[in-house]
Protein backbone atom coordinates (compact mmCIF):
# COMPACT_ATOMS: atom_id res chain seq x y z
CA MET A 1 -25.09 9.94 11.03
CA ALA A 2 -23.70 9.89 14.59
CA GLU A 3 -23.59 6.08 14.46
CA TYR A 4 -21.64 6.20 11.19
CA ASN A 5 -19.12 8.68 12.64
CA GLU A 6 -18.72 6.53 15.76
CA LYS A 7 -18.04 3.43 13.64
CA LYS A 8 -15.58 5.37 11.51
CA SER A 9 -13.79 6.56 14.64
CA ARG A 10 -13.59 2.99 16.03
CA ASP A 11 -12.24 1.74 12.70
CA GLY A 12 -9.56 4.43 12.74
CA GLN A 13 -8.60 3.55 16.30
CA MET A 14 -8.42 -0.15 15.38
CA ARG A 15 -6.20 0.59 12.38
CA ALA A 16 -3.92 2.74 14.53
CA ALA A 17 -3.63 0.00 17.16
CA ILE A 18 -2.84 -2.66 14.53
CA ASN A 19 -0.28 -0.39 12.88
CA GLN A 20 1.34 0.27 16.26
CA GLN A 21 1.64 -3.48 16.91
CA LEU A 22 3.12 -4.02 13.47
CA VAL A 23 5.67 -1.25 14.01
CA GLU A 24 6.63 -2.25 17.55
CA THR A 25 7.27 -5.87 16.59
CA GLY A 26 9.14 -5.05 13.37
CA GLU A 27 6.50 -6.90 11.33
CA ARG A 28 5.61 -3.76 9.37
CA GLU A 29 9.11 -3.55 7.90
CA LYS A 30 9.01 -7.26 7.01
CA LEU A 31 5.68 -6.77 5.24
CA LYS A 32 6.99 -3.72 3.38
CA GLU A 33 10.02 -5.69 2.20
CA LEU A 34 7.80 -8.59 1.10
CA LEU A 35 5.59 -6.13 -0.81
CA ARG A 36 8.60 -4.54 -2.54
CA MET A 37 9.88 -7.96 -3.55
CA ARG A 38 6.52 -9.20 -4.85
CA LEU A 39 5.84 -6.00 -6.80
CA SER A 40 9.24 -6.21 -8.42
CA GLU A 41 8.77 -9.90 -9.27
CA CYS A 42 5.43 -9.33 -11.00
CA GLY A 43 6.66 -6.39 -13.10
CA TRP A 44 4.53 -3.79 -11.31
CA ARG A 45 7.46 -1.41 -10.87
CA ASP A 46 8.35 -1.69 -14.55
CA GLN A 47 4.74 -0.92 -15.49
CA LEU A 48 4.80 2.23 -13.38
CA LYS A 49 8.11 3.33 -14.83
CA GLN A 50 6.64 2.99 -18.31
CA ILE A 51 3.53 4.96 -17.35
CA CYS A 52 5.70 7.74 -15.89
CA LYS A 53 7.86 7.84 -19.01
CA GLU A 54 4.77 8.18 -21.19
CA ILE A 55 3.41 11.03 -19.06
CA VAL A 56 6.75 12.86 -19.22
CA ARG A 57 7.00 12.24 -22.97
CA GLU A 58 3.47 13.61 -23.55
CA ARG A 59 3.82 16.73 -21.40
CA GLY A 60 7.53 17.41 -21.56
CA LEU A 61 10.00 17.13 -18.72
CA GLU A 62 9.80 20.82 -17.86
CA HIS A 63 6.01 20.57 -17.34
CA VAL A 64 5.95 17.60 -14.94
CA THR A 65 7.02 17.48 -11.30
CA VAL A 66 7.52 14.42 -9.15
CA ASP A 67 4.49 15.48 -7.11
CA ASP A 68 2.40 15.67 -10.30
CA LEU A 69 3.47 12.16 -11.27
CA ILE A 70 2.73 10.75 -7.84
CA GLN A 71 -0.70 12.33 -7.72
CA GLU A 72 -1.58 11.12 -11.20
CA ILE A 73 -0.30 7.54 -11.03
CA THR A 74 -1.22 6.63 -7.44
CA PRO A 75 -4.80 5.51 -8.19
CA GLN A 76 -3.64 3.51 -11.21
CA ALA A 77 -0.71 2.06 -9.26
CA ARG A 78 -3.04 0.77 -6.56
CA GLN A 79 -5.28 -0.84 -9.16
CA LEU A 80 -2.33 -2.53 -10.85
CA VAL A 81 -1.26 -4.39 -7.68
CA PRO A 82 -2.23 -8.01 -8.37
CA ASP A 83 -4.99 -9.45 -6.19
CA SER A 84 -2.72 -12.36 -5.27
CA ILE A 85 -0.27 -9.95 -3.62
CA LYS A 86 -3.05 -8.14 -1.77
CA LYS A 87 -4.39 -11.48 -0.52
CA GLU A 88 -0.94 -12.65 0.55
CA LEU A 89 -0.33 -9.49 2.59
CA LEU A 90 -3.78 -9.64 4.15
CA HIS A 91 -3.19 -13.28 5.10
CA ARG A 92 0.15 -12.40 6.67
CA ILE A 93 -1.44 -9.57 8.68
CA ARG A 94 -4.27 -11.82 9.87
CA THR A 95 -1.78 -14.53 10.86
CA PHE A 96 0.29 -11.96 12.74
CA LEU A 97 -2.77 -10.64 14.60
CA ALA A 98 -3.89 -14.17 15.49
CA GLN A 99 -0.43 -14.92 16.90
CA GLN A 100 -0.46 -11.69 18.91
CA ALA A 101 -3.88 -12.56 20.33
CA ASN A 102 -2.55 -15.94 21.52
CA LEU A 103 0.38 -14.43 23.43
């Protein structure tokens, strides 16, 4: 159990360090913009809008908050992101990290 917790801690530290590099170089914002563009192009945003409309229609506007919608659709939204977009972003992050390692 201690070994698992240690690995989890190292993973968290690694993620934090990578995120810091992405933020400091401005690459994080570029990746976020790329993600927004790709999700819009593939119709992901339209799918989520439709799902939200259906939830509101079923429950009634007065019975649904934005927080409720976010909580309910987040797992589905993540699943609906096409694998090709996930792979593209992962490739871009790996390329960025490789370039940073060569500096």
